[in-house]
Amino acid sequence: MAESIARSGIRPTHTPAVMLTKWRFGMDRLPAYELTKSFRLLVALFSIADTRRRTLHCVGGCGHEWHNLSDQPQDPT
């Protein structure tokens, strides 16, 4: 979690970071001025998790559609 906090650019003392490290959920109930920080933190967390998953489980190729978006057929309409 520390890596995602660092990558997000928010301080470890900001409310969303504290909530994440203490496993407190309910970021959707935070005031509007905290939502941008929450979004940045969650995007960083998911980015790290996806990178680890690709490294560990998808190294030789996989069937996850979201890892192969450029291979998807394009709808001509």
N, C-alpha and C. Protein backbone atom coordinates (compact mmCIF):
# COMPACT_ATOMS: atom_id res chain seq x y z
N MET A 1 0.80 -1.19 0.00
CA MET A 1 0.00 0.00 0.00
C MET A 1 0.85 1.26 0.00
N ALA A 2 2.00 1.18 0.64
CA ALA A 2 2.87 2.35 0.67
C ALA A 2 3.30 2.75 -0.73
N GLU A 3 3.52 1.76 -1.59
CA GLU A 3 3.90 2.05 -2.97
C GLU A 3 2.80 2.79 -3.71
N SER A 4 1.56 2.40 -3.51
CA SER A 4 0.46 3.08 -4.19
C SER A 4 0.27 4.49 -3.65
N ILE A 5 0.47 4.68 -2.36
CA ILE A 5 0.37 6.03 -1.79
C ILE A 5 1.45 6.92 -2.38
N ALA A 6 2.66 6.40 -2.46
CA ALA A 6 3.77 7.18 -3.03
C ALA A 6 3.50 7.50 -4.50
N ARG A 7 3.03 6.50 -5.25
CA ARG A 7 2.79 6.70 -6.68
C ARG A 7 1.65 7.68 -6.94
N SER A 8 0.66 7.72 -6.06
CA SER A 8 -0.50 8.58 -6.26
C SER A 8 -0.17 10.06 -6.07
N GLY A 9 0.90 10.34 -5.32
CA GLY A 9 1.28 11.73 -5.09
C GLY A 9 0.58 12.37 -3.90
N ILE A 10 -0.22 11.60 -3.18
CA ILE A 10 -0.85 12.16 -1.99
C ILE A 10 -0.01 11.80 -0.78
N ARG A 11 -0.18 12.55 0.30
CA ARG A 11 0.59 12.29 1.51
C ARG A 11 -0.01 11.12 2.28
N PRO A 12 0.81 10.37 2.98
CA PRO A 12 0.31 9.24 3.79
C PRO A 12 -0.67 9.67 4.88
N THR A 13 -0.67 10.97 5.21
CA THR A 13 -1.56 11.47 6.25
C THR A 13 -2.92 11.93 5.70
N HIS A 14 -3.06 11.97 4.39
CA HIS A 14 -4.36 12.34 3.81
C HIS A 14 -5.39 11.26 4.13
N THR A 15 -6.60 11.67 4.31
CA THR A 15 -7.66 10.76 4.75
C THR A 15 -7.78 9.50 3.89
N PRO A 16 -7.81 9.56 2.57
CA PRO A 16 -7.93 8.33 1.78
C PRO A 16 -6.78 7.35 2.03
N ALA A 17 -5.57 7.86 2.20
CA ALA A 17 -4.42 6.99 2.46
C ALA A 17 -4.54 6.33 3.82
N VAL A 18 -4.96 7.08 4.81
CA VAL A 18 -5.15 6.52 6.15
C VAL A 18 -6.24 5.46 6.11
N MET A 19 -7.32 5.75 5.40
CA MET A 19 -8.42 4.79 5.30
C MET A 19 -7.95 3.50 4.65
N LEU A 20 -7.16 3.60 3.61
CA LEU A 20 -6.69 2.42 2.90
C LEU A 20 -5.75 1.58 3.78
N THR A 21 -4.83 2.24 4.46
CA THR A 21 -3.87 1.49 5.27
C THR A 21 -4.52 0.84 6.49
N LYS A 22 -5.62 1.39 6.94
CA LYS A 22 -6.31 0.81 8.10
C LYS A 22 -7.50 -0.05 7.68
N TRP A 23 -7.62 -0.30 6.37
CA TRP A 23 -8.72 -1.11 5.82
C TRP A 23 -10.09 -0.56 6.20
N ARG A 24 -10.22 0.76 6.16
CA ARG A 24 -11.49 1.41 6.41
C ARG A 24 -12.09 1.76 5.05
N PHE A 25 -13.24 1.25 4.78
CA PHE A 25 -13.86 1.50 3.50
C PHE A 25 -14.92 2.59 3.65
N GLY A 26 -15.39 3.10 2.56
CA GLY A 26 -16.38 4.16 2.59
C GLY A 26 -15.88 5.44 1.97
N MET A 27 -14.91 5.30 1.07
CA MET A 27 -14.38 6.51 0.41
C MET A 27 -15.47 7.25 -0.34
N ASP A 28 -16.53 6.54 -0.71
CA ASP A 28 -17.63 7.19 -1.43
C ASP A 28 -18.36 8.19 -0.54
N ARG A 29 -18.17 8.11 0.76
CA ARG A 29 -18.84 9.03 1.67
C ARG A 29 -17.95 10.21 2.09
N LEU A 30 -16.77 10.29 1.51
CA LEU A 30 -15.87 11.40 1.82
C LEU A 30 -16.40 12.68 1.19
N PRO A 31 -16.01 13.83 1.74
CA PRO A 31 -16.41 15.11 1.12
C PRO A 31 -15.79 15.25 -0.27
N ALA A 32 -16.38 16.08 -1.08
CA ALA A 32 -15.97 16.25 -2.47
C ALA A 32 -14.48 16.59 -2.61
N TYR A 33 -13.93 17.37 -1.71
CA TYR A 33 -12.53 17.76 -1.85
C TYR A 33 -11.56 16.60 -1.61
N GLU A 34 -12.04 15.48 -1.09
CA GLU A 34 -11.21 14.29 -0.89
C GLU A 34 -11.33 13.28 -2.04
N LEU A 35 -12.31 13.46 -2.91
CA LEU A 35 -12.58 12.47 -3.95
C LEU A 35 -11.46 12.37 -4.98
N THR A 36 -10.86 13.47 -5.34
CA THR A 36 -9.75 13.44 -6.30
C THR A 36 -8.58 12.65 -5.72
N LYS A 37 -8.29 12.88 -4.45
CA LYS A 37 -7.21 12.13 -3.80
C LYS A 37 -7.54 10.64 -3.76
N SER A 38 -8.79 10.32 -3.45
CA SER A 38 -9.21 8.92 -3.41
C SER A 38 -9.07 8.27 -4.77
N PHE A 39 -9.48 8.98 -5.81
CA PHE A 39 -9.39 8.46 -7.17
C PHE A 39 -7.94 8.20 -7.55
N ARG A 40 -7.07 9.16 -7.30
CA ARG A 40 -5.66 9.00 -7.64
C ARG A 40 -5.04 7.82 -6.89
N LEU A 41 -5.41 7.66 -5.64
CA LEU A 41 -4.88 6.57 -4.83
C LEU A 41 -5.35 5.22 -5.35
N LEU A 42 -6.63 5.10 -5.68
CA LEU A 42 -7.16 3.83 -6.16
C LEU A 42 -6.63 3.47 -7.54
N VAL A 43 -6.45 4.46 -8.41
CA VAL A 43 -5.87 4.19 -9.73
C VAL A 43 -4.43 3.68 -9.57
N ALA A 44 -3.67 4.29 -8.67
CA ALA A 44 -2.30 3.83 -8.41
C ALA A 44 -2.30 2.41 -7.86
N LEU A 45 -3.20 2.13 -6.93
CA LEU A 45 -3.29 0.80 -6.35
C LEU A 45 -3.62 -0.25 -7.40
N PHE A 46 -4.63 0.02 -8.23
CA PHE A 46 -5.02 -0.93 -9.28
C PHE A 46 -3.93 -1.08 -10.33
N SER A 47 -3.21 -0.02 -10.63
CA SER A 47 -2.11 -0.10 -11.59
C SER A 47 -1.01 -1.03 -11.09
N ILE A 48 -0.67 -0.90 -9.84
CA ILE A 48 0.36 -1.76 -9.24
C ILE A 48 -0.11 -3.20 -9.22
N ALA A 49 -1.36 -3.41 -8.84
CA ALA A 49 -1.91 -4.77 -8.78
C ALA A 49 -1.94 -5.41 -10.17
N ASP A 50 -2.33 -4.65 -11.19
CA ASP A 50 -2.38 -5.21 -12.55
C ASP A 50 -0.98 -5.53 -13.06
N THR A 51 -0.01 -4.67 -12.76
CA THR A 51 1.37 -4.94 -13.17
C THR A 51 1.89 -6.21 -12.53
N ARG A 52 1.61 -6.39 -11.24
CA ARG A 52 2.04 -7.62 -10.56
C ARG A 52 1.36 -8.84 -11.14
N ARG A 53 0.07 -8.73 -11.42
CA ARG A 53 -0.66 -9.86 -11.99
C ARG A 53 -0.09 -10.24 -13.36
N ARG A 54 0.19 -9.23 -14.19
CA ARG A 54 0.76 -9.51 -15.51
C ARG A 54 2.12 -10.19 -15.37
N THR A 55 2.93 -9.73 -14.43
CA THR A 55 4.27 -10.28 -14.22
C THR A 55 4.23 -11.71 -13.71
N LEU A 56 3.31 -12.00 -12.81
CA LEU A 56 3.26 -13.31 -12.17
C LEU A 56 2.41 -14.34 -12.93
N HIS A 57 1.29 -13.91 -13.48
CA HIS A 57 0.32 -14.86 -14.02
C HIS A 57 0.11 -14.78 -15.52
N CYS A 58 0.52 -13.72 -16.15
CA CYS A 58 0.21 -13.54 -17.56
C CYS A 58 1.47 -13.42 -18.41
N VAL A 59 2.58 -13.89 -17.88
CA VAL A 59 3.87 -13.71 -18.54
C VAL A 59 3.94 -14.37 -19.91
N GLY A 60 3.38 -15.56 -20.06
CA GLY A 60 3.44 -16.26 -21.33
C GLY A 60 2.23 -16.03 -22.21
N GLY A 61 1.46 -15.03 -21.89
CA GLY A 61 0.22 -14.76 -22.61
C GLY A 61 -0.97 -15.17 -21.75
N CYS A 62 -2.08 -14.57 -22.01
CA CYS A 62 -3.27 -14.88 -21.23
C CYS A 62 -4.52 -14.60 -22.06
N GLY A 63 -5.63 -14.94 -21.52
CA GLY A 63 -6.89 -14.73 -22.22
C GLY A 63 -7.69 -13.55 -21.70
N HIS A 64 -7.08 -12.72 -20.84
CA HIS A 64 -7.79 -11.56 -20.31
C HIS A 64 -7.99 -10.54 -21.43
N GLU A 65 -9.22 -10.23 -21.72
CA GLU A 65 -9.51 -9.29 -22.81
C GLU A 65 -8.85 -7.93 -22.59
N TRP A 66 -8.80 -7.48 -21.33
CA TRP A 66 -8.25 -6.15 -21.06
C TRP A 66 -6.74 -6.10 -21.22
N HIS A 67 -6.07 -7.24 -21.31
CA HIS A 67 -4.63 -7.25 -21.58
C HIS A 67 -4.34 -7.31 -23.07
N ASN A 68 -5.35 -7.52 -23.86
CA ASN A 68 -5.17 -7.67 -25.30
C ASN A 68 -6.13 -6.77 -26.07
N LEU A 69 -6.29 -5.54 -25.63
CA LEU A 69 -7.25 -4.64 -26.24
C LEU A 69 -6.92 -4.35 -27.71
N SER A 70 -5.66 -4.25 -28.05
CA SER A 70 -5.30 -3.94 -29.44
C SER A 70 -5.61 -5.09 -30.37
N ASP A 71 -5.80 -6.31 -29.83
CA ASP A 71 -6.12 -7.47 -30.65
C ASP A 71 -7.60 -7.63 -30.90
N GLN A 72 -8.41 -6.81 -30.26
CA GLN A 72 -9.86 -6.94 -30.38
C GLN A 72 -10.32 -6.41 -31.74
N PRO A 73 -11.28 -7.10 -32.36
CA PRO A 73 -11.80 -6.60 -33.64
C PRO A 73 -12.54 -5.27 -33.44
N GLN A 74 -12.40 -4.42 -34.41
CA GLN A 74 -13.06 -3.11 -34.35
C GLN A 74 -14.41 -3.19 -35.05
N ASP A 75 -15.41 -2.60 -34.44
CA ASP A 75 -16.74 -2.54 -35.03
C ASP A 75 -16.77 -1.44 -36.07
N PRO A 76 -17.03 -1.75 -37.34
CA PRO A 76 -16.97 -0.75 -38.41
C PRO A 76 -18.12 0.26 -38.37
N THR A 77 -19.14 0.01 -37.56
CA THR A 77 -20.29 0.95 -37.56
C THR A 77 -20.13 2.07 -36.60
